[in-house]
PDB file of N, CA and C in Angstrom:
ATOM      1  N   UNK A   1      48.851  64.299 178.992  1.00  0.00           N
ATOM      2  CA  UNK A   1      50.289  64.192 179.056  1.00  0.00           C
ATOM      3  C   UNK A   1      50.833  63.935 177.646  1.00  0.00           C
ATOM      4  N   UNK A   2      51.772  64.761 177.230  1.00  0.00           N
ATOM      5  CA  UNK A   2      52.350  64.647 175.890  1.00  0.00           C
ATOM      6  C   UNK A   2      53.608  63.787 175.945  1.00  0.00           C
ATOM      7  N   UNK A   3      53.693  62.810 175.040  1.00  0.00           N
ATOM      8  CA  UNK A   3      54.871  61.945 174.979  1.00  0.00           C
ATOM      9  C   UNK A   3      55.859  62.560 174.006  1.00  0.00           C
ATOM     10  N   UNK A   4      57.089  62.713 174.474  1.00  0.00           N
ATOM     11  CA  UNK A   4      58.128  63.342 173.669  1.00  0.00           C
ATOM     12  C   UNK A   4      58.787  62.307 172.765  1.00  0.00           C
ATOM     13  N   UNK A   5      59.000  62.670 171.525  1.00  0.00           N
ATOM     14  CA  UNK A   5      59.696  61.806 170.582  1.00  0.00           C
ATOM     15  C   UNK A   5      61.181  61.824 170.927  1.00  0.00           C
ATOM     16  N   UNK A   6      61.783  60.652 171.187  1.00  0.00           N
ATOM     17  CA  UNK A   6      63.183  60.595 171.587  1.00  0.00           C
ATOM     18  C   UNK A   6      64.119  61.099 170.502  1.00  0.00           C
ATOM     19  N   UNK A   7      63.758  60.925 169.243  1.00  0.00           N
ATOM     20  CA  UNK A   7      64.616  61.381 168.153  1.00  0.00           C
ATOM     21  C   UNK A   7      64.708  62.896 168.116  1.00  0.00           C
ATOM     22  N   UNK A   8      63.656  63.584 168.573  1.00  0.00           N
ATOM     23  CA  UNK A   8      63.643  65.042 168.554  1.00  0.00           C
ATOM     24  C   UNK A   8      64.270  65.654 169.794  1.00  0.00           C
ATOM     25  N   UNK A   9      64.537  64.862 170.807  1.00  0.00           N
ATOM     26  CA  UNK A   9      65.078  65.376 172.056  1.00  0.00           C
ATOM     27  C   UNK A   9      66.598  65.260 172.045  1.00  0.00           C
ATOM     28  N   UNK A  10      67.325  66.402 172.006  1.00  0.00           N
ATOM     29  CA  UNK A  10      68.787  66.348 171.947  1.00  0.00           C
ATOM     30  C   UNK A  10      69.409  65.678 173.161  1.00  0.00           C
ATOM     31  N   UNK A  11      68.727  65.655 174.286  1.00  0.00           N
ATOM     32  CA  UNK A  11      69.276  65.029 175.485  1.00  0.00           C
ATOM     33  C   UNK A  11      69.379  63.517 175.333  1.00  0.00           C
ATOM     34  N   UNK A  12      68.612  62.936 174.425  1.00  0.00           N
ATOM     35  CA  UNK A  12      68.649  61.483 174.241  1.00  0.00           C
ATOM     36  C   UNK A  12      69.656  61.048 173.181  1.00  0.00           C
ATOM     37  N   UNK A  13      70.226  62.007 172.461  1.00  0.00           N
ATOM     38  CA  UNK A  13      71.210  61.658 171.435  1.00  0.00           C
ATOM     39  C   UNK A  13      72.507  61.221 172.095  1.00  0.00           C
ATOM     40  N   UNK A  14      73.098  60.164 171.598  1.00  0.00           N
ATOM     41  CA  UNK A  14      74.334  59.648 172.161  1.00  0.00           C
ATOM     42  C   UNK A  14      75.504  60.318 171.471  1.00  0.00           C
ATOM     43  N   UNK A  15      76.450  60.824 172.265  1.00  0.00           N
ATOM     44  CA  UNK A  15      77.657  61.429 171.712  1.00  0.00           C
ATOM     45  C   UNK A  15      78.609  60.315 171.311  1.00  0.00           C
ATOM     46  N   UNK A  16      78.963  60.269 170.036  1.00  0.00           N
ATOM     47  CA  UNK A  16      79.845  59.210 169.552  1.00  0.00           C
ATOM     48  C   UNK A  16      81.290  59.457 169.942  1.00  0.00           C
ATOM     49  N   UNK A  17      81.616  60.661 170.395  1.00  0.00           N
ATOM     50  CA  UNK A  17      82.993  60.956 170.766  1.00  0.00           C
ATOM     51  C   UNK A  17      83.920  60.952 169.575  1.00  0.00           C
ATOM     52  N   UNK A  18      83.385  61.093 168.376  1.00  0.00           N
ATOM     53  CA  UNK A  18      84.210  61.097 167.179  1.00  0.00           C
ATOM     54  C   UNK A  18      84.525  59.698 166.673  1.00  0.00           C
ATOM     55  N   UNK A  19      83.901  58.681 167.240  1.00  0.00           N
ATOM     56  CA  UNK A  19      84.153  57.311 166.810  1.00  0.00           C
ATOM     57  C   UNK A  19      83.220  56.947 165.665  1.00  0.00           C
ATOM     58  N   UNK A  20      83.808  56.735 164.504  1.00  0.00           N
ATOM     59  CA  UNK A  20      83.048  56.306 163.340  1.00  0.00           C
ATOM     60  C   UNK A  20      83.753  55.103 162.752  1.00  0.00           C
ATOM     61  N   UNK A  21      83.009  54.239 162.091  1.00  0.00           N
ATOM     62  CA  UNK A  21      83.583  53.021 161.535  1.00  0.00           C
ATOM     63  C   UNK A  21      83.817  53.151 160.039  1.00  0.00           C
ATOM     64  N   UNK A  22      84.931  52.584 159.590  1.00  0.00           N
ATOM     65  CA  UNK A  22      85.272  52.524 158.173  1.00  0.00           C
ATOM     66  C   UNK A  22      84.345  51.516 157.502  1.00  0.00           C
ATOM     67  N   UNK A  23      83.863  51.853 156.321  1.00  0.00           N
ATOM     68  CA  UNK A  23      82.965  50.962 155.585  1.00  0.00           C
ATOM     69  C   UNK A  23      83.695  49.809 154.892  1.00  0.00           C
ATOM     70  N   UNK A  24      85.021  49.761 154.991  1.00  0.00           N
ATOM     71  CA  UNK A  24      85.777  48.654 154.396  1.00  0.00           C
ATOM     72  C   UNK A  24      86.288  47.710 155.487  1.00  0.00           C
ATOM     73  N   UNK A  25      87.093  48.235 156.426  1.00  0.00           N
ATOM     74  CA  UNK A  25      87.672  47.366 157.463  1.00  0.00           C
ATOM     75  C   UNK A  25      86.743  47.183 158.662  1.00  0.00           C
ATOM     76  N   UNK A  26      85.715  48.028 158.768  1.00  0.00           N
ATOM     77  CA  UNK A  26      84.721  47.984 159.840  1.00  0.00           C
ATOM     78  C   UNK A  26      85.295  48.289 161.223  1.00  0.00           C
ATOM     79  N   UNK A  27      86.535  48.781 161.275  1.00  0.00           N
ATOM     80  CA  UNK A  27      87.134  49.239 162.527  1.00  0.00           C
ATOM     81  C   UNK A  27      86.899  50.734 162.670  1.00  0.00           C
ATOM     82  N   UNK A  28      87.302  51.269 163.830  1.00  0.00           N
ATOM     83  CA  UNK A  28      87.217  52.715 164.015  1.00  0.00           C
ATOM     84  C   UNK A  28      88.081  53.377 162.944  1.00  0.00           C
ATOM     85  N   UNK A  29      87.520  54.370 162.286  1.00  0.00           N
ATOM     86  CA  UNK A  29      88.209  55.008 161.169  1.00  0.00           C
ATOM     87  C   UNK A  29      89.485  55.701 161.643  1.00  0.00           C
ATOM     88  N   UNK A  30      90.558  55.525 160.869  1.00  0.00           N
ATOM     89  CA  UNK A  30      91.808  56.238 161.123  1.00  0.00           C
ATOM     90  C   UNK A  30      92.190  56.950 159.842  1.00  0.00           C
ATOM     91  N   UNK A  31      92.702  58.151 159.969  1.00  0.00           N
ATOM     92  CA  UNK A  31      92.977  59.007 158.815  1.00  0.00           C
ATOM     93  C   UNK A  31      91.727  59.084 157.939  1.00  0.00           C
ATOM     94  N   UNK A  32      90.629  59.616 158.494  1.00  0.00           N
ATOM     95  CA  UNK A  32      89.329  59.558 157.815  1.00  0.00           C
ATOM     96  C   UNK A  32      89.255  60.368 156.528  1.00  0.00           C
ATOM     97  N   UNK A  33      88.573  59.792 155.562  1.00  0.00           N
ATOM     98  CA  UNK A  33      88.262  60.468 154.302  1.00  0.00           C
ATOM     99  C   UNK A  33      86.810  60.166 153.969  1.00  0.00           C
ATOM    100  N   UNK A  34      86.215  61.043 153.175  1.00  0.00           N
ATOM    101  CA  UNK A  34      84.832  60.838 152.747  1.00  0.00           C
ATOM    102  C   UNK A  34      84.786  60.967 151.230  1.00  0.00           C
ATOM    103  N   UNK A  35      83.975  60.143 150.602  1.00  0.00           N
ATOM    104  CA  UNK A  35      83.807  60.205 149.151  1.00  0.00           C
ATOM    105  C   UNK A  35      82.732  61.223 148.805  1.00  0.00           C
ATOM    106  N   UNK A  36      82.660  61.633 147.544  1.00  0.00           N
ATOM    107  CA  UNK A  36      81.619  62.571 147.114  1.00  0.00           C
ATOM    108  C   UNK A  36      80.228  61.986 147.350  1.00  0.00           C
ATOM    109  N   UNK A  37      80.121  60.657 147.366  1.00  0.00           N
ATOM    110  CA  UNK A  37      78.813  60.042 147.616  1.00  0.00           C
ATOM    111  C   UNK A  37      78.485  59.998 149.107  1.00  0.00           C
ATOM    112  N   UNK A  38      79.430  60.444 149.953  1.00  0.00           N
ATOM    113  CA  UNK A  38      79.151  60.604 151.374  1.00  0.00           C
ATOM    114  C   UNK A  38      79.545  59.448 152.272  1.00  0.00           C
ATOM    115  N   UNK A  39      80.317  58.493 151.770  1.00  0.00           N
ATOM    116  CA  UNK A  39      80.706  57.349 152.588  1.00  0.00           C
ATOM    117  C   UNK A  39      82.085  57.559 153.208  1.00  0.00           C
ATOM    118  N   UNK A  40      82.228  57.113 154.446  1.00  0.00           N
ATOM    119  CA  UNK A  40      83.427  57.337 155.252  1.00  0.00           C
ATOM    120  C   UNK A  40      84.322  56.104 155.233  1.00  0.00           C
ATOM    121  N   UNK A  41      85.630  56.355 155.058  1.00  0.00           N
ATOM    122  CA  UNK A  41      86.601  55.272 155.024  1.00  0.00           C
ATOM    123  C   UNK A  41      87.895  55.715 155.685  1.00  0.00           C
ATOM    124  N   UNK A  42      88.736  54.743 156.042  1.00  0.00           N
ATOM    125  CA  UNK A  42      90.125  55.034 156.392  1.00  0.00           C
ATOM    126  C   UNK A  42      90.833  55.337 155.070  1.00  0.00           C
ATOM    127  N   UNK A  43      91.751  56.278 155.073  1.00  0.00           N
ATOM    128  CA  UNK A  43      92.485  56.597 153.846  1.00  0.00           C
ATOM    129  C   UNK A  43      93.210  55.369 153.287  1.00  0.00           C
ATOM    130  N   UNK A  44      93.969  54.617 154.113  1.00  0.00           N
ATOM    131  CA  UNK A  44      94.648  53.442 153.542  1.00  0.00           C
ATOM    132  C   UNK A  44      93.675  52.417 152.949  1.00  0.00           C
ATOM    133  N   UNK A  45      92.516  52.249 153.569  1.00  0.00           N
ATOM    134  CA  UNK A  45      91.536  51.265 153.075  1.00  0.00           C
ATOM    135  C   UNK A  45      90.996  51.654 151.701  1.00  0.00           C
ATOM    136  N   UNK A  46      90.550  52.898 151.541  1.00  0.00           N
ATOM    137  CA  UNK A  46      89.957  53.306 150.259  1.00  0.00           C
ATOM    138  C   UNK A  46      91.035  53.412 149.181  1.00  0.00           C
ATOM    139  N   UNK A  47      92.259  53.786 149.574  1.00  0.00           N
ATOM    140  CA  UNK A  47      93.362  53.833 148.612  1.00  0.00           C
ATOM    141  C   UNK A  47      93.627  52.429 148.064  1.00  0.00           C
ATOM    142  N   UNK A  48      93.734  51.457 148.964  1.00  0.00           N
ATOM    143  CA  UNK A  48      93.965  50.069 148.528  1.00  0.00           C
ATOM    144  C   UNK A  48      92.787  49.565 147.693  1.00  0.00           C
ATOM    145  N   UNK A  49      91.577  49.934 148.102  1.00  0.00           N
ATOM    146  CA  UNK A  49      90.373  49.508 147.365  1.00  0.00           C
ATOM    147  C   UNK A  49      90.418  50.037 145.933  1.00  0.00           C
ATOM    148  N   UNK A  50      90.715  51.327 145.767  1.00  0.00           N
ATOM    149  CA  UNK A  50      90.729  51.906 144.420  1.00  0.00           C
ATOM    150  C   UNK A  50      91.862  51.316 143.593  1.00  0.00           C
ATOM    151  N   UNK A  51      93.023  51.084 144.215  1.00  0.00           N
ATOM    152  CA  UNK A  51      94.152  50.524 143.482  1.00  0.00           C
ATOM    153  C   UNK A  51      93.867  49.079 143.070  1.00  0.00           C
ATOM    154  N   UNK A  52      93.397  48.255 144.000  1.00  0.00           N
ATOM    155  CA  UNK A  52      93.143  46.847 143.668  1.00  0.00           C
ATOM    156  C   UNK A  52      91.964  46.720 142.709  1.00  0.00           C
ATOM    157  N   UNK A  53      90.992  47.600 142.837  1.00  0.00           N
ATOM    158  CA  UNK A  53      89.843  47.599 141.933  1.00  0.00           C
ATOM    159  C   UNK A  53      90.297  47.903 140.509  1.00  0.00           C
ATOM    160  N   UNK A  54      91.213  48.854 140.376  1.00  0.00           N
ATOM    161  CA  UNK A  54      91.745  49.232 139.066  1.00  0.00           C
ATOM    162  C   UNK A  54      92.529  48.088 138.440  1.00  0.00           C
ATOM    163  N   UNK A  55      93.418  47.457 139.198  1.00  0.00           N
ATOM    164  CA  UNK A  55      94.256  46.406 138.628  1.00  0.00           C
ATOM    165  C   UNK A  55      93.440  45.166 138.293  1.00  0.00           C
ATOM    166  N   UNK A  56      92.477  44.785 139.138  1.00  0.00           N
ATOM    167  CA  UNK A  56      91.664  43.615 138.801  1.00  0.00           C
ATOM    168  C   UNK A  56      90.781  43.877 137.606  1.00  0.00           C
ATOM    169  N   UNK A  57      90.250  45.076 137.510  1.00  0.00           N
ATOM    170  CA  UNK A  57      89.374  45.405 136.381  1.00  0.00           C
ATOM    171  C   UNK A  57      90.181  45.343 135.085  1.00  0.00           C
ATOM    172  N   UNK A  58      91.433  45.795 135.099  1.00  0.00           N
ATOM    173  CA  UNK A  58      92.256  45.759 133.892  1.00  0.00           C
ATOM    174  C   UNK A  58      92.543  44.317 133.494  1.00  0.00           C
ATOM    175  N   UNK A  59      92.755  43.449 134.477  1.00  0.00           N
ATOM    176  CA  UNK A  59      93.041  42.046 134.175  1.00  0.00           C
ATOM    177  C   UNK A  59      91.809  41.315 133.656  1.00  0.00           C
ATOM    178  N   UNK A  60      90.665  41.579 134.251  1.00  0.00           N
ATOM    179  CA  UNK A  60      89.452  40.837 133.911  1.00  0.00           C
ATOM    180  C   UNK A  60      88.873  41.264 132.572  1.00  0.00           C
ATOM    181  N   UNK A  61      88.717  42.551 132.360  1.00  0.00           N
ATOM    182  CA  UNK A  61      88.052  43.019 131.138  1.00  0.00           C
ATOM    183  C   UNK A  61      88.775  44.238 130.587  1.00  0.00           C
ATOM    184  N   UNK A  62      89.687  44.025 129.666  1.00  0.00           N
ATOM    185  CA  UNK A  62      90.454  45.126 129.105  1.00  0.00           C
ATOM    186  C   UNK A  62      89.621  45.976 128.161  1.00  0.00           C
ATOM    187  N   UNK A  63      88.443  45.509 127.772  1.00  0.00           N
ATOM    188  CA  UNK A  63      87.617  46.238 126.816  1.00  0.00           C
ATOM    189  C   UNK A  63      86.514  47.052 127.483  1.00  0.00           C
ATOM    190  N   UNK A  64      86.417  46.975 128.791  1.00  0.00           N
ATOM    191  CA  UNK A  64      85.402  47.736 129.529  1.00  0.00           C
ATOM    192  C   UNK A  64      85.780  49.212 129.508  1.00  0.00           C
ATOM    193  N   UNK A  65      84.899  50.058 129.009  1.00  0.00           N
ATOM    194  CA  UNK A  65      85.207  51.488 128.900  1.00  0.00           C
ATOM    195  C   UNK A  65      85.089  52.205 130.235  1.00  0.00           C
ATOM    196  N   UNK A  66      84.298  51.681 131.172  1.00  0.00           N
ATOM    197  CA  UNK A  66      84.132  52.305 132.479  1.00  0.00           C
ATOM    198  C   UNK A  66      85.088  51.647 133.464  1.00  0.00           C
ATOM    199  N   UNK A  67      86.338  52.113 133.466  1.00  0.00           N
ATOM    200  CA  UNK A  67      87.368  51.495 134.291  1.00  0.00           C
ATOM    201  C   UNK A  67      87.574  52.196 135.619  1.00  0.00           C
ATOM    202  N   UNK A  68      86.751  53.174 135.960  1.00  0.00           N
ATOM    203  CA  UNK A  68      86.962  53.869 137.222  1.00  0.00           C
ATOM    204  C   UNK A  68      86.503  52.997 138.382  1.00  0.00           C
ATOM    205  N   UNK A  69      87.255  53.035 139.498  1.00  0.00           N
ATOM    206  CA  UNK A  69      86.849  52.260 140.676  1.00  0.00           C
ATOM    207  C   UNK A  69      85.499  52.734 141.198  1.00  0.00           C
ATOM    208  N   UNK A  70      84.793  51.852 141.871  1.00  0.00           N
ATOM    209  CA  UNK A  70      83.463  52.151 142.404  1.00  0.00           C
ATOM    210  C   UNK A  70      83.506  52.176 143.929  1.00  0.00           C
ATOM    211  N   UNK A  71      82.642  52.979 144.512  1.00  0.00           N
ATOM    212  CA  UNK A  71      82.474  53.007 145.963  1.00  0.00           C
ATOM    213  C   UNK A  71      82.025  51.618 146.408  1.00  0.00           C
ATOM    214  N   UNK A  72      82.669  51.046 147.430  1.00  0.00           N
ATOM    215  CA  UNK A  72      82.268  49.712 147.875  1.00  0.00           C
ATOM    216  C   UNK A  72      80.873  49.669 148.500  1.00  0.00           C
ATOM    217  N   UNK A  73      80.318  50.834 148.840  1.00  0.00           N
ATOM    218  CA  UNK A  73      78.993  50.867 149.458  1.00  0.00           C
ATOM    219  C   UNK A  73      77.894  51.053 148.420  1.00  0.00           C
ATOM    220  N   UNK A  74      78.041  52.084 147.556  1.00  0.00           N
ATOM    221  CA  UNK A  74      76.931  52.420 146.646  1.00  0.00           C
ATOM    222  C   UNK A  74      77.278  52.309 145.163  1.00  0.00           C
ATOM    223  N   UNK A  75      78.518  51.960 144.848  1.00  0.00           N
ATOM    224  CA  UNK A  75      78.977  51.761 143.462  1.00  0.00           C
ATOM    225  C   UNK A  75      79.080  53.050 142.638  1.00  0.00           C
ATOM    226  N   UNK A  76      79.138  54.217 143.292  1.00  0.00           N
ATOM    227  CA  UNK A  76      79.413  55.472 142.584  1.00  0.00           C
ATOM    228  C   UNK A  76      80.882  55.494 142.188  1.00  0.00           C
ATOM    229  N   UNK A  77      81.214  56.266 141.147  1.00  0.00           N
ATOM    230  CA  UNK A  77      82.611  56.390 140.737  1.00  0.00           C
ATOM    231  C   UNK A  77      83.428  57.019 141.861  1.00  0.00           C
ATOM    232  N   UNK A  78      84.632  56.475 142.083  1.00  0.00           N
ATOM    233  CA  UNK A  78      85.536  56.976 143.115  1.00  0.00           C
ATOM    234  C   UNK A  78      86.923  57.096 142.503  1.00  0.00           C
ATOM    235  N   UNK A  79      87.608  58.181 142.814  1.00  0.00           N
ATOM    236  CA  UNK A  79      88.998  58.353 142.400  1.00  0.00           C
ATOM    237  C   UNK A  79      89.690  59.181 143.469  1.00  0.00           C
ATOM    238  N   UNK A  80      91.010  59.285 143.381  1.00  0.00           N
ATOM    239  CA  UNK A  80      91.718  60.102 144.370  1.00  0.00           C
ATOM    240  C   UNK A  80      91.214  61.538 144.351  1.00  0.00           C
ATOM    241  N   UNK A  81      90.739  62.007 143.203  1.00  0.00           N
ATOM    242  CA  UNK A  81      90.223  63.368 143.090  1.00  0.00           C
ATOM    243  C   UNK A  81      88.853  63.566 143.713  1.00  0.00           C
ATOM    244  N   UNK A  82      88.139  62.469 143.976  1.00  0.00           N
ATOM    245  CA  UNK A  82      86.801  62.586 144.569  1.00  0.00           C
ATOM    246  C   UNK A  82      86.777  62.109 146.018  1.00  0.00           C
ATOM    247  N   UNK A  83      87.955  61.974 146.614  1.00  0.00           N
ATOM    248  CA  UNK A  83      88.063  61.576 148.020  1.00  0.00           C
ATOM    249  C   UNK A  83      88.535  62.785 148.814  1.00  0.00           C
ATOM    250  N   UNK A  84      87.774  63.152 149.830  1.00  0.00           N
ATOM    251  CA  UNK A  84      88.053  64.363 150.608  1.00  0.00           C
ATOM    252  C   UNK A  84      88.546  63.973 151.998  1.00  0.00           C
ATOM    253  N   UNK A  85      89.765  64.406 152.366  1.00  0.00           N
ATOM    254  CA  UNK A  85      90.260  64.103 153.714  1.00  0.00           C
ATOM    255  C   UNK A  85      89.511  64.914 154.768  1.00  0.00           C
ATOM    256  N   UNK A  86      89.312  64.311 155.919  1.00  0.00           N
ATOM    257  CA  UNK A  86      88.711  65.011 157.045  1.00  0.00           C
ATOM    258  C   UNK A  86      89.842  65.253 158.030  1.00  0.00           C
ATOM    259  N   UNK A  87      90.368  66.465 158.011  1.00  0.00           N
ATOM    260  CA  UNK A  87      91.515  66.791 158.850  1.00  0.00           C
ATOM    261  C   UNK A  87      91.077  67.092 160.269  1.00  0.00           C
ATOM    262  N   UNK A  88      91.920  66.752 161.215  1.00  0.00           N
ATOM    263  CA  UNK A  88      91.661  67.069 162.610  1.00  0.00           C
ATOM    264  C   UNK A  88      92.835  67.811 163.202  1.00  0.00           C
ATOM    265  N   UNK A  89      92.621  69.018 163.585  1.00  0.00           N
ATOM    266  CA  UNK A  89      93.586  69.849 164.305  1.00  0.00           C
ATOM    267  C   UNK A  89      95.034  69.674 163.867  1.00  0.00           C
ATOM    268  N   UNK A  90      95.328  70.060 162.653  1.00  0.00           N
ATOM    269  CA  UNK A  90      96.708  70.101 162.190  1.00  0.00           C
ATOM    270  C   UNK A  90      97.295  68.767 161.776  1.00  0.00           C
ATOM    271  N   UNK A  91      96.519  67.713 161.787  1.00  0.00           N
ATOM    272  CA  UNK A  91      97.041  66.424 161.345  1.00  0.00           C
ATOM    273  C   UNK A  91      97.139  66.411 159.831  1.00  0.00           C
ATOM    274  N   UNK A  92      98.203  65.810 159.320  1.00  0.00           N
ATOM    275  CA  UNK A  92      98.370  65.699 157.877  1.00  0.00           C
ATOM    276  C   UNK A  92      97.997  64.295 157.440  1.00  0.00           C
ATOM    277  N   UNK A  93      97.541  64.187 156.205  1.00  0.00           N
ATOM    278  CA  UNK A  93      97.173  62.894 155.648  1.00  0.00           C
ATOM    279  C   UNK A  93      98.452  62.143 155.287  1.00  0.00           C
ATOM    280  N   UNK A  94      98.727  61.022 155.944  1.00  0.00           N
ATOM    281  CA  UNK A  94      99.959  60.285 155.663  1.00  0.00           C
ATOM    282  C   UNK A  94      99.876  59.522 154.352  1.00  0.00           C
ATOM    283  N   UNK A  95     101.033  59.148 153.856  1.00  0.00           N
ATOM    284  CA  UNK A  95     101.086  58.321 152.662  1.00  0.00           C
ATOM    285  C   UNK A  95     100.484  56.959 152.988  1.00  0.00           C
ATOM    286  N   UNK A  96      99.641  56.408 152.121  1.00  0.00           N
ATOM    287  CA  UNK A  96      98.976  55.145 152.425  1.00  0.00           C
ATOM    288  C   UNK A  96      99.893  53.935 152.375  1.00  0.00           C
ATOM    289  N   UNK A  97     101.075  54.092 151.817  1.00  0.00           N
ATOM    290  CA  UNK A  97     101.962  52.945 151.638  1.00  0.00           C
ATOM    291  C   UNK A  97     102.763  52.664 152.870  1.00  0.00           C
TER     292      UNK A  97
END
């Protein structure tokens, strides 16, 4: 009798129903975006993170040459240009403010 590996059997995979958690607020992601490093966030959360990261870095160390915000998960560089919205059926990305 051969034992089937559950990871290889598609019938054992759980359907998430599109529910994913933001890596900042830890709630179900809303207005989802993904960074180039592959981490998922709510748009308002990552926007606030990059903005607050920028302002605190300027206050703490004005001589630091690497002033770009970092991914809160893996510390890769993050900017509005490296954040990709995940659109769902005609939804537009709202202003984070």
